[in-house]
Amino acid sequence: RIAYISIGVLVFYGAMYNIPELAGTHVDVLDVYALEAYCWFGAYC
């Protein structure tokens, strides 16, 4: 489950490196993991 959620986390933080609109974004890594988890939980319905 952690590996699955990490896919979206890595995509988000990888984009923050080079995309100006995201470069200044400061988001805690636990927040991104939690958001990915909530997405996954919702899909089960």
All heavy atoms as atom14 arrays in JSON, in Angstrom:
{
  "sequence": "RIAYISIGVLVFYGAMYNIPELAGTHVDVLDVYALEAYCWFGAYC",
  "atom14_mask": [
    [1, 1, 1, 1, 1, 1, 1, 1, 1, 1, 1, 0, 0, 0],
    [1, 1, 1, 1, 1, 1, 1, 1, 0, 0, 0, 0, 0, 0],
    [1, 1, 1, 1, 1, 0, 0, 0, 0, 0, 0, 0, 0, 0],
    [1, 1, 1, 1, 1, 1, 1, 1, 1, 1, 1, 1, 0, 0],
    [1, 1, 1, 1, 1, 1, 1, 1, 0, 0, 0, 0, 0, 0],
    [1, 1, 1, 1, 1, 1, 0, 0, 0, 0, 0, 0, 0, 0],
    [1, 1, 1, 1, 1, 1, 1, 1, 0, 0, 0, 0, 0, 0],
    [1, 1, 1, 1, 0, 0, 0, 0, 0, 0, 0, 0, 0, 0],
    [1, 1, 1, 1, 1, 1, 1, 0, 0, 0, 0, 0, 0, 0],
    [1, 1, 1, 1, 1, 1, 1, 1, 0, 0, 0, 0, 0, 0],
    [1, 1, 1, 1, 1, 1, 1, 0, 0, 0, 0, 0, 0, 0],
    [1, 1, 1, 1, 1, 1, 1, 1, 1, 1, 1, 0, 0, 0],
    [1, 1, 1, 1, 1, 1, 1, 1, 1, 1, 1, 1, 0, 0],
    [1, 1, 1, 1, 0, 0, 0, 0, 0, 0, 0, 0, 0, 0],
    [1, 1, 1, 1, 1, 0, 0, 0, 0, 0, 0, 0, 0, 0],
    [1, 1, 1, 1, 1, 1, 1, 1, 0, 0, 0, 0, 0, 0],
    [1, 1, 1, 1, 1, 1, 1, 1, 1, 1, 1, 1, 0, 0],
    [1, 1, 1, 1, 1, 1, 1, 1, 0, 0, 0, 0, 0, 0],
    [1, 1, 1, 1, 1, 1, 1, 1, 0, 0, 0, 0, 0, 0],
    [1, 1, 1, 1, 1, 1, 1, 0, 0, 0, 0, 0, 0, 0],
    [1, 1, 1, 1, 1, 1, 1, 1, 1, 0, 0, 0, 0, 0],
    [1, 1, 1, 1, 1, 1, 1, 1, 0, 0, 0, 0, 0, 0],
    [1, 1, 1, 1, 1, 0, 0, 0, 0, 0, 0, 0, 0, 0],
    [1, 1, 1, 1, 0, 0, 0, 0, 0, 0, 0, 0, 0, 0],
    [1, 1, 1, 1, 1, 1, 1, 0, 0, 0, 0, 0, 0, 0],
    [1, 1, 1, 1, 1, 1, 1, 1, 1, 1, 0, 0, 0, 0],
    [1, 1, 1, 1, 1, 1, 1, 0, 0, 0, 0, 0, 0, 0],
    [1, 1, 1, 1, 1, 1, 1, 1, 0, 0, 0, 0, 0, 0],
    [1, 1, 1, 1, 1, 1, 1, 0, 0, 0, 0, 0, 0, 0],
    [1, 1, 1, 1, 1, 1, 1, 1, 0, 0, 0, 0, 0, 0],
    [1, 1, 1, 1, 1, 1, 1, 1, 0, 0, 0, 0, 0, 0],
    [1, 1, 1, 1, 1, 1, 1, 0, 0, 0, 0, 0, 0, 0],
    [1, 1, 1, 1, 1, 1, 1, 1, 1, 1, 1, 1, 0, 0],
    [1, 1, 1, 1, 1, 0, 0, 0, 0, 0, 0, 0, 0, 0],
    [1, 1, 1, 1, 1, 1, 1, 1, 0, 0, 0, 0, 0, 0],
    [1, 1, 1, 1, 1, 1, 1, 1, 1, 0, 0, 0, 0, 0],
    [1, 1, 1, 1, 1, 0, 0, 0, 0, 0, 0, 0, 0, 0],
    [1, 1, 1, 1, 1, 1, 1, 1, 1, 1, 1, 1, 0, 0],
    [1, 1, 1, 1, 1, 1, 0, 0, 0, 0, 0, 0, 0, 0],
    [1, 1, 1, 1, 1, 1, 1, 1, 1, 1, 1, 1, 1, 1],
    [1, 1, 1, 1, 1, 1, 1, 1, 1, 1, 1, 0, 0, 0],
    [1, 1, 1, 1, 0, 0, 0, 0, 0, 0, 0, 0, 0, 0],
    [1, 1, 1, 1, 1, 0, 0, 0, 0, 0, 0, 0, 0, 0],
    [1, 1, 1, 1, 1, 1, 1, 1, 1, 1, 1, 1, 0, 0],
    [1, 1, 1, 1, 1, 1, 0, 0, 0, 0, 0, 0, 0, 0]
  ],
  "atom14_positions": [
    [[0.83, -1.21, 0.0], [0.0, 0.0, 0.0], [0.86, 1.26, 0.0], [0.55, 2.24, -0.68], [-0.93, 0.01, 1.23], [-1.95, -1.09, 1.24], [-2.88, -1.03, 0.06], [-2.41, -1.76, -1.1], [-2.64, -1.44, -2.35], [-3.32, -0.36, -2.67], [-2.17, -2.17, -3.33], [0.0, 0.0, 0.0], [0.0, 0.0, 0.0], [0.0, 0.0, 0.0]],
    [[1.95, 1.25, 0.78], [2.84, 2.42, 0.82], [3.49, 2.63, -0.53], [3.63, 3.77, -1.01], [3.91, 2.25, 1.92], [3.25, 2.17, 3.3], [4.91, 3.4, 1.88], [2.46, 3.4, 3.7], [0.0, 0.0, 0.0], [0.0, 0.0, 0.0], [0.0, 0.0, 0.0], [0.0, 0.0, 0.0], [0.0, 0.0, 0.0], [0.0, 0.0, 0.0]],
    [[3.91, 1.54, -1.18], [4.53, 1.65, -2.51], [3.54, 2.23, -3.52], [3.9, 3.09, -4.34], [5.0, 0.27, -2.97], [0.0, 0.0, 0.0], [0.0, 0.0, 0.0], [0.0, 0.0, 0.0], [0.0, 0.0, 0.0], [0.0, 0.0, 0.0], [0.0, 0.0, 0.0], [0.0, 0.0, 0.0], [0.0, 0.0, 0.0], [0.0, 0.0, 0.0]],
    [[2.29, 1.8, -3.43], [1.26, 2.29, -4.34], [1.05, 3.8, -4.14], [1.02, 4.57, -5.12], [-0.05, 1.54, -4.09], [-1.2, 2.01, -4.95], [-1.39, 1.49, -6.22], [-2.1, 2.97, -4.48], [-2.45, 1.92, -7.01], [-3.15, 3.4, -5.26], [-3.32, 2.88, -6.52], [-4.37, 3.32, -7.29], [0.0, 0.0, 0.0], [0.0, 0.0, 0.0]],
    [[0.9, 4.22, -2.9], [0.67, 5.64, -2.61], [1.88, 6.48, -2.98], [1.76, 7.63, -3.4], [0.31, 5.81, -1.12], [-1.05, 5.16, -0.84], [0.25, 7.28, -0.73], [-1.41, 5.11, 0.63], [0.0, 0.0, 0.0], [0.0, 0.0, 0.0], [0.0, 0.0, 0.0], [0.0, 0.0, 0.0], [0.0, 0.0, 0.0], [0.0, 0.0, 0.0]],
    [[3.08, 5.9, -2.84], [4.32, 6.64, -3.12], [4.43, 7.05, -4.57], [5.15, 8.0, -4.9], [5.54, 5.78, -2.73], [5.57, 5.54, -1.34], [0.0, 0.0, 0.0], [0.0, 0.0, 0.0], [0.0, 0.0, 0.0], [0.0, 0.0, 0.0], [0.0, 0.0, 0.0], [0.0, 0.0, 0.0], [0.0, 0.0, 0.0], [0.0, 0.0, 0.0]],
    [[3.73, 6.36, -5.48], [3.78, 6.73, -6.9], [3.33, 8.17, -7.09], [4.01, 8.99, -7.71], [2.91, 5.77, -7.74], [3.49, 4.35, -7.7], [2.79, 6.27, -9.18], [2.58, 3.3, -8.31], [0.0, 0.0, 0.0], [0.0, 0.0, 0.0], [0.0, 0.0, 0.0], [0.0, 0.0, 0.0], [0.0, 0.0, 0.0], [0.0, 0.0, 0.0]],
    [[2.16, 8.51, -6.54], [1.64, 9.86, -6.66], [2.49, 10.88, -5.93], [2.65, 12.02, -6.4], [0.0, 0.0, 0.0], [0.0, 0.0, 0.0], [0.0, 0.0, 0.0], [0.0, 0.0, 0.0], [0.0, 0.0, 0.0], [0.0, 0.0, 0.0], [0.0, 0.0, 0.0], [0.0, 0.0, 0.0], [0.0, 0.0, 0.0], [0.0, 0.0, 0.0]],
    [[3.03, 10.49, -4.78], [3.88, 11.4, -4.0], [5.13, 11.76, -4.8], [5.54, 12.94, -4.87], [4.27, 10.75, -2.65], [5.25, 11.65, -1.89], [3.02, 10.48, -1.81], [0.0, 0.0, 0.0], [0.0, 0.0, 0.0], [0.0, 0.0, 0.0], [0.0, 0.0, 0.0], [0.0, 0.0, 0.0], [0.0, 0.0, 0.0], [0.0, 0.0, 0.0]],
    [[5.75, 10.78, -5.43], [6.96, 11.01, -6.21], [6.67, 11.85, -7.46], [7.49, 12.7, -7.84], [7.6, 9.68, -6.6], [8.26, 8.92, -5.45], [8.56, 7.48, -5.85], [9.54, 9.62, -5.02], [0.0, 0.0, 0.0], [0.0, 0.0, 0.0], [0.0, 0.0, 0.0], [0.0, 0.0, 0.0], [0.0, 0.0, 0.0], [0.0, 0.0, 0.0]],
    [[5.52, 11.63, -8.08], [5.14, 12.45, -9.24], [5.0, 13.91, -8.82], [5.5, 14.82, -9.5], [3.82, 11.93, -9.86], [3.25, 12.95, -10.86], [4.05, 10.6, -10.57], [0.0, 0.0, 0.0], [0.0, 0.0, 0.0], [0.0, 0.0, 0.0], [0.0, 0.0, 0.0], [0.0, 0.0, 0.0], [0.0, 0.0, 0.0], [0.0, 0.0, 0.0]],
    [[4.33, 14.15, -7.7], [4.12, 15.52, -7.23], [5.43, 16.21, -6.89], [5.7, 17.33, -7.35], [3.2, 15.5, -5.99], [2.99, 16.86, -5.39], [2.08, 17.74, -5.95], [3.7, 17.27, -4.27], [1.88, 19.0, -5.41], [3.5, 18.52, -3.71], [2.6, 19.39, -4.28], [0.0, 0.0, 0.0], [0.0, 0.0, 0.0], [0.0, 0.0, 0.0]],
    [[6.28, 15.56, -6.1], [7.54, 16.2, -5.7], [8.52, 16.3, -6.86], [9.33, 17.23, -6.93], [8.17, 15.45, -4.52], [7.57, 15.85, -3.21], [6.67, 15.03, -2.55], [7.88, 17.07, -2.62], [6.08, 15.4, -1.35], [7.3, 17.46, -1.42], [6.4, 16.62, -0.79], [5.83, 17.01, 0.39], [0.0, 0.0, 0.0], [0.0, 0.0, 0.0]],
    [[8.45, 15.35, -7.8], [9.29, 15.46, -8.99], [8.91, 16.65, -9.84], [9.77, 17.3, -10.44], [0.0, 0.0, 0.0], [0.0, 0.0, 0.0], [0.0, 0.0, 0.0], [0.0, 0.0, 0.0], [0.0, 0.0, 0.0], [0.0, 0.0, 0.0], [0.0, 0.0, 0.0], [0.0, 0.0, 0.0], [0.0, 0.0, 0.0], [0.0, 0.0, 0.0]],
    [[7.61, 16.96, -9.89], [7.14, 18.12, -10.66], [7.55, 19.43, -10.0], [7.79, 20.44, -10.68], [5.63, 18.05, -10.8], [0.0, 0.0, 0.0], [0.0, 0.0, 0.0], [0.0, 0.0, 0.0], [0.0, 0.0, 0.0], [0.0, 0.0, 0.0], [0.0, 0.0, 0.0], [0.0, 0.0, 0.0], [0.0, 0.0, 0.0], [0.0, 0.0, 0.0]],
    [[7.65, 19.44, -8.68], [8.01, 20.67, -7.96], [9.41, 21.18, -8.31], [9.7, 22.36, -8.15], [7.91, 20.42, -6.44], [6.49, 20.39, -5.92], [6.4, 20.05, -4.14], [7.28, 21.46, -3.48], [0.0, 0.0, 0.0], [0.0, 0.0, 0.0], [0.0, 0.0, 0.0], [0.0, 0.0, 0.0], [0.0, 0.0, 0.0], [0.0, 0.0, 0.0]],
    [[10.27, 20.29, -8.8], [11.65, 20.68, -9.11], [11.72, 21.67, -10.27], [12.5, 22.62, -10.23], [12.48, 19.44, -9.45], [13.26, 18.9, -8.28], [12.63, 18.1, -7.33], [14.61, 19.18, -8.12], [13.33, 17.61, -6.24], [15.32, 18.69, -7.04], [14.68, 17.9, -6.1], [15.37, 17.42, -5.02], [0.0, 0.0, 0.0], [0.0, 0.0, 0.0]],
    [[10.94, 21.41, -11.33], [11.14, 22.14, -12.58], [9.96, 22.97, -13.06], [10.1, 23.74, -14.0], [11.51, 21.15, -13.69], [12.78, 20.38, -13.37], [13.73, 20.94, -12.84], [12.81, 19.09, -13.69], [0.0, 0.0, 0.0], [0.0, 0.0, 0.0], [0.0, 0.0, 0.0], [0.0, 0.0, 0.0], [0.0, 0.0, 0.0], [0.0, 0.0, 0.0]],
    [[8.8, 22.8, -12.46], [7.61, 23.52, -12.92], [7.43, 24.78, -12.08], [7.22, 24.69, -10.86], [6.36, 22.63, -12.85], [6.55, 21.42, -13.78], [5.11, 23.4, -13.25], [5.43, 20.41, -13.73], [0.0, 0.0, 0.0], [0.0, 0.0, 0.0], [0.0, 0.0, 0.0], [0.0, 0.0, 0.0], [0.0, 0.0, 0.0], [0.0, 0.0, 0.0]],
    [[7.53, 25.96, -12.7], [7.49, 27.22, -11.93], [6.27, 27.36, -11.03], [6.37, 27.83, -9.9], [7.49, 28.29, -13.03], [8.13, 27.63, -14.2], [7.72, 26.19, -14.13], [0.0, 0.0, 0.0], [0.0, 0.0, 0.0], [0.0, 0.0, 0.0], [0.0, 0.0, 0.0], [0.0, 0.0, 0.0], [0.0, 0.0, 0.0], [0.0, 0.0, 0.0]],
    [[5.1, 26.95, -11.53], [3.88, 27.11, -10.73], [3.88, 26.27, -9.46], [3.16, 26.55, -8.5], [2.65, 26.74, -11.56], [2.35, 27.71, -12.7], [3.04, 27.28, -13.99], [4.04, 26.53, -13.91], [2.59, 27.7, -15.06], [0.0, 0.0, 0.0], [0.0, 0.0, 0.0], [0.0, 0.0, 0.0], [0.0, 0.0, 0.0], [0.0, 0.0, 0.0]],
    [[4.69, 25.2, -9.45], [4.76, 24.33, -8.27], [6.04, 24.52, -7.48], [6.14, 24.06, -6.35], [4.65, 22.86, -8.7], [3.3, 22.38, -9.25], [3.4, 20.93, -9.7], [2.2, 22.53, -8.22], [0.0, 0.0, 0.0], [0.0, 0.0, 0.0], [0.0, 0.0, 0.0], [0.0, 0.0, 0.0], [0.0, 0.0, 0.0], [0.0, 0.0, 0.0]],
    [[7.04, 25.17, -8.1], [8.36, 25.27, -7.48], [8.32, 25.96, -6.13], [9.09, 25.64, -5.22], [9.32, 26.01, -8.42], [0.0, 0.0, 0.0], [0.0, 0.0, 0.0], [0.0, 0.0, 0.0], [0.0, 0.0, 0.0], [0.0, 0.0, 0.0], [0.0, 0.0, 0.0], [0.0, 0.0, 0.0], [0.0, 0.0, 0.0], [0.0, 0.0, 0.0]],
    [[7.41, 26.93, -5.98], [7.35, 27.65, -4.71], [6.41, 27.03, -3.7], [6.21, 27.56, -2.6], [0.0, 0.0, 0.0], [0.0, 0.0, 0.0], [0.0, 0.0, 0.0], [0.0, 0.0, 0.0], [0.0, 0.0, 0.0], [0.0, 0.0, 0.0], [0.0, 0.0, 0.0], [0.0, 0.0, 0.0], [0.0, 0.0, 0.0], [0.0, 0.0, 0.0]],
    [[5.83, 25.89, -4.04], [4.88, 25.22, -3.16], [5.62, 24.49, -2.04], [6.57, 23.77, -2.29], [4.03, 24.2, -3.94], [3.42, 24.86, -5.04], [2.96, 23.6, -3.05], [0.0, 0.0, 0.0], [0.0, 0.0, 0.0], [0.0, 0.0, 0.0], [0.0, 0.0, 0.0], [0.0, 0.0, 0.0], [0.0, 0.0, 0.0], [0.0, 0.0, 0.0]],
    [[5.19, 24.71, -0.83], [5.79, 24.02, 0.32], [4.7, 23.16, 0.96], [3.82, 23.65, 1.66], [6.35, 25.03, 1.33], [7.47, 25.85, 0.79], [8.74, 25.36, 0.6], [7.49, 27.14, 0.36], [9.52, 26.31, 0.1], [8.78, 27.4, -0.07], [0.0, 0.0, 0.0], [0.0, 0.0, 0.0], [0.0, 0.0, 0.0], [0.0, 0.0, 0.0]],
    [[4.77, 21.87, 0.7], [3.79, 20.93, 1.22], [4.51, 19.82, 1.97], [5.45, 19.22, 1.45], [2.94, 20.32, 0.08], [1.86, 19.4, 0.65], [2.31, 21.41, -0.77], [0.0, 0.0, 0.0], [0.0, 0.0, 0.0], [0.0, 0.0, 0.0], [0.0, 0.0, 0.0], [0.0, 0.0, 0.0], [0.0, 0.0, 0.0], [0.0, 0.0, 0.0]],
    [[4.08, 19.58, 3.19], [4.68, 18.52, 3.99], [4.44, 17.17, 3.32], [3.35, 16.91, 2.79], [4.06, 18.54, 5.39], [4.74, 17.55, 6.32], [5.78, 17.89, 6.89], [4.21, 16.43, 6.46], [0.0, 0.0, 0.0], [0.0, 0.0, 0.0], [0.0, 0.0, 0.0], [0.0, 0.0, 0.0], [0.0, 0.0, 0.0], [0.0, 0.0, 0.0]],
    [[5.47, 16.31, 3.35], [5.36, 15.02, 2.68], [4.23, 14.16, 3.27], [3.55, 13.43, 2.54], [6.71, 14.27, 2.74], [7.07, 13.88, 4.18], [6.68, 13.02, 1.86], [0.0, 0.0, 0.0], [0.0, 0.0, 0.0], [0.0, 0.0, 0.0], [0.0, 0.0, 0.0], [0.0, 0.0, 0.0], [0.0, 0.0, 0.0], [0.0, 0.0, 0.0]],
    [[3.97, 14.28, 4.56], [2.87, 13.53, 5.16], [1.52, 14.0, 4.64], [0.58, 13.2, 4.52], [2.92, 13.65, 6.69], [3.97, 12.81, 7.41], [3.89, 13.05, 8.91], [3.76, 11.32, 7.11], [0.0, 0.0, 0.0], [0.0, 0.0, 0.0], [0.0, 0.0, 0.0], [0.0, 0.0, 0.0], [0.0, 0.0, 0.0], [0.0, 0.0, 0.0]],
    [[1.43, 15.3, 4.31], [0.19, 15.81, 3.73], [-0.09, 15.15, 2.37], [-1.22, 14.77, 2.08], [0.27, 17.33, 3.56], [0.17, 18.07, 4.88], [-0.29, 17.46, 5.86], [0.56, 19.25, 4.92], [0.0, 0.0, 0.0], [0.0, 0.0, 0.0], [0.0, 0.0, 0.0], [0.0, 0.0, 0.0], [0.0, 0.0, 0.0], [0.0, 0.0, 0.0]],
    [[0.96, 15.04, 1.56], [0.79, 14.45, 0.22], [0.45, 12.97, 0.34], [-0.42, 12.46, -0.38], [2.05, 14.65, -0.63], [1.82, 14.15, -2.06], [2.45, 16.11, -0.67], [0.0, 0.0, 0.0], [0.0, 0.0, 0.0], [0.0, 0.0, 0.0], [0.0, 0.0, 0.0], [0.0, 0.0, 0.0], [0.0, 0.0, 0.0], [0.0, 0.0, 0.0]],
    [[1.12, 12.27, 1.27], [0.8, 10.85, 1.49], [-0.65, 10.71, 1.94], [-1.36, 9.79, 1.5], [1.74, 10.24, 2.53], [2.94, 9.57, 1.93], [4.18, 10.19, 1.92], [2.87, 8.3, 1.36], [5.31, 9.59, 1.36], [3.97, 7.68, 0.8], [5.18, 8.32, 0.81], [6.28, 7.72, 0.25], [0.0, 0.0, 0.0], [0.0, 0.0, 0.0]],
    [[-1.09, 11.59, 2.84], [-2.47, 11.52, 3.34], [-3.47, 11.79, 2.23], [-4.5, 11.1, 2.12], [-2.66, 12.51, 4.49], [0.0, 0.0, 0.0], [0.0, 0.0, 0.0], [0.0, 0.0, 0.0], [0.0, 0.0, 0.0], [0.0, 0.0, 0.0], [0.0, 0.0, 0.0], [0.0, 0.0, 0.0], [0.0, 0.0, 0.0], [0.0, 0.0, 0.0]],
    [[-3.18, 12.78, 1.38], [-4.09, 13.08, 0.27], [-4.19, 11.9, -0.7], [-5.28, 11.56, -1.17], [-3.6, 14.34, -0.47], [-3.71, 15.66, 0.3], [-3.04, 16.78, -0.47], [-5.16, 16.01, 0.59], [0.0, 0.0, 0.0], [0.0, 0.0, 0.0], [0.0, 0.0, 0.0], [0.0, 0.0, 0.0], [0.0, 0.0, 0.0], [0.0, 0.0, 0.0]],
    [[-3.05, 11.28, -0.99], [-3.05, 10.11, -1.86], [-3.86, 8.97, -1.22], [-4.59, 8.25, -1.89], [-1.62, 9.64, -2.11], [-0.93, 10.33, -3.26], [-1.5, 9.93, -4.61], [-2.11, 8.86, -4.72], [-1.36, 10.72, -5.56], [0.0, 0.0, 0.0], [0.0, 0.0, 0.0], [0.0, 0.0, 0.0], [0.0, 0.0, 0.0], [0.0, 0.0, 0.0]],
    [[-3.69, 8.81, 0.09], [-4.43, 7.76, 0.8], [-5.93, 8.01, 0.74], [-6.71, 7.08, 0.49], [-3.96, 7.68, 2.26], [0.0, 0.0, 0.0], [0.0, 0.0, 0.0], [0.0, 0.0, 0.0], [0.0, 0.0, 0.0], [0.0, 0.0, 0.0], [0.0, 0.0, 0.0], [0.0, 0.0, 0.0], [0.0, 0.0, 0.0], [0.0, 0.0, 0.0]],
    [[-6.34, 9.26, 0.93], [-7.78, 9.58, 0.87], [-8.34, 9.31, -0.53], [-9.47, 8.82, -0.67], [-8.01, 11.04, 1.26], [-7.9, 11.3, 2.74], [-7.1, 12.33, 3.25], [-8.6, 10.51, 3.67], [-6.99, 12.56, 4.62], [-8.5, 10.73, 5.03], [-7.69, 11.76, 5.5], [-7.58, 11.98, 6.86], [0.0, 0.0, 0.0], [0.0, 0.0, 0.0]],
    [[-7.55, 9.6, -1.55], [-7.98, 9.28, -2.93], [-8.21, 7.78, -3.08], [-9.21, 7.34, -3.68], [-6.92, 9.73, -3.94], [-6.74, 11.51, -4.12], [0.0, 0.0, 0.0], [0.0, 0.0, 0.0], [0.0, 0.0, 0.0], [0.0, 0.0, 0.0], [0.0, 0.0, 0.0], [0.0, 0.0, 0.0], [0.0, 0.0, 0.0], [0.0, 0.0, 0.0]],
    [[-7.29, 7.01, -2.55], [-7.36, 5.55, -2.65], [-8.56, 5.01, -1.87], [-9.29, 4.14, -2.36], [-6.05, 4.97, -2.13], [-5.98, 3.48, -2.09], [-6.28, 2.6, -3.09], [-5.59, 2.69, -0.97], [-6.09, 1.31, -2.68], [-5.66, 1.33, -1.37], [-5.15, 2.99, 0.32], [-5.34, 0.29, -0.51], [-4.83, 1.95, 1.16], [-4.92, 0.61, 0.75]],
    [[-8.8, 5.54, -0.65], [-9.94, 5.08, 0.14], [-11.25, 5.35, -0.59], [-12.15, 4.5, -0.61], [-9.98, 5.79, 1.5], [-8.75, 5.59, 2.34], [-8.35, 6.57, 3.25], [-7.99, 4.43, 2.25], [-7.21, 6.39, 4.04], [-6.86, 4.25, 3.02], [-6.47, 5.23, 3.93], [0.0, 0.0, 0.0], [0.0, 0.0, 0.0], [0.0, 0.0, 0.0]],
    [[-11.36, 6.52, -1.2], [-12.6, 6.89, -1.87], [-12.92, 6.01, -3.06], [-14.09, 5.77, -3.38], [0.0, 0.0, 0.0], [0.0, 0.0, 0.0], [0.0, 0.0, 0.0], [0.0, 0.0, 0.0], [0.0, 0.0, 0.0], [0.0, 0.0, 0.0], [0.0, 0.0, 0.0], [0.0, 0.0, 0.0], [0.0, 0.0, 0.0], [0.0, 0.0, 0.0]],
    [[-11.88, 5.51, -3.72], [-12.1, 4.67, -4.91], [-12.78, 3.36, -4.58], [-13.4, 2.74, -5.46], [-10.76, 4.41, -5.6], [0.0, 0.0, 0.0], [0.0, 0.0, 0.0], [0.0, 0.0, 0.0], [0.0, 0.0, 0.0], [0.0, 0.0, 0.0], [0.0, 0.0, 0.0], [0.0, 0.0, 0.0], [0.0, 0.0, 0.0], [0.0, 0.0, 0.0]],
    [[-12.7, 2.92, -3.32], [-13.28, 1.63, -2.94], [-14.81, 1.63, -2.88], [-15.42, 0.58, -2.75], [-12.73, 1.18, -1.58], [-11.41, 0.46, -1.7], [-10.22, 1.14, -1.5], [-11.34, -0.88, -2.05], [-8.99, 0.5, -1.63], [-10.12, -1.53, -2.18], [-8.96, -0.83, -1.97], [-7.76, -1.47, -2.11], [0.0, 0.0, 0.0], [0.0, 0.0, 0.0]],
    [[-15.41, 2.8, -2.98], [-16.88, 2.83, -2.91], [-17.51, 2.65, -4.28], [-18.74, 2.56, -4.39], [-17.35, 4.15, -2.29], [-17.34, 5.54, -3.43], [0.0, 0.0, 0.0], [0.0, 0.0, 0.0], [0.0, 0.0, 0.0], [0.0, 0.0, 0.0], [0.0, 0.0, 0.0], [0.0, 0.0, 0.0], [0.0, 0.0, 0.0], [0.0, 0.0, 0.0]]
  ]
}
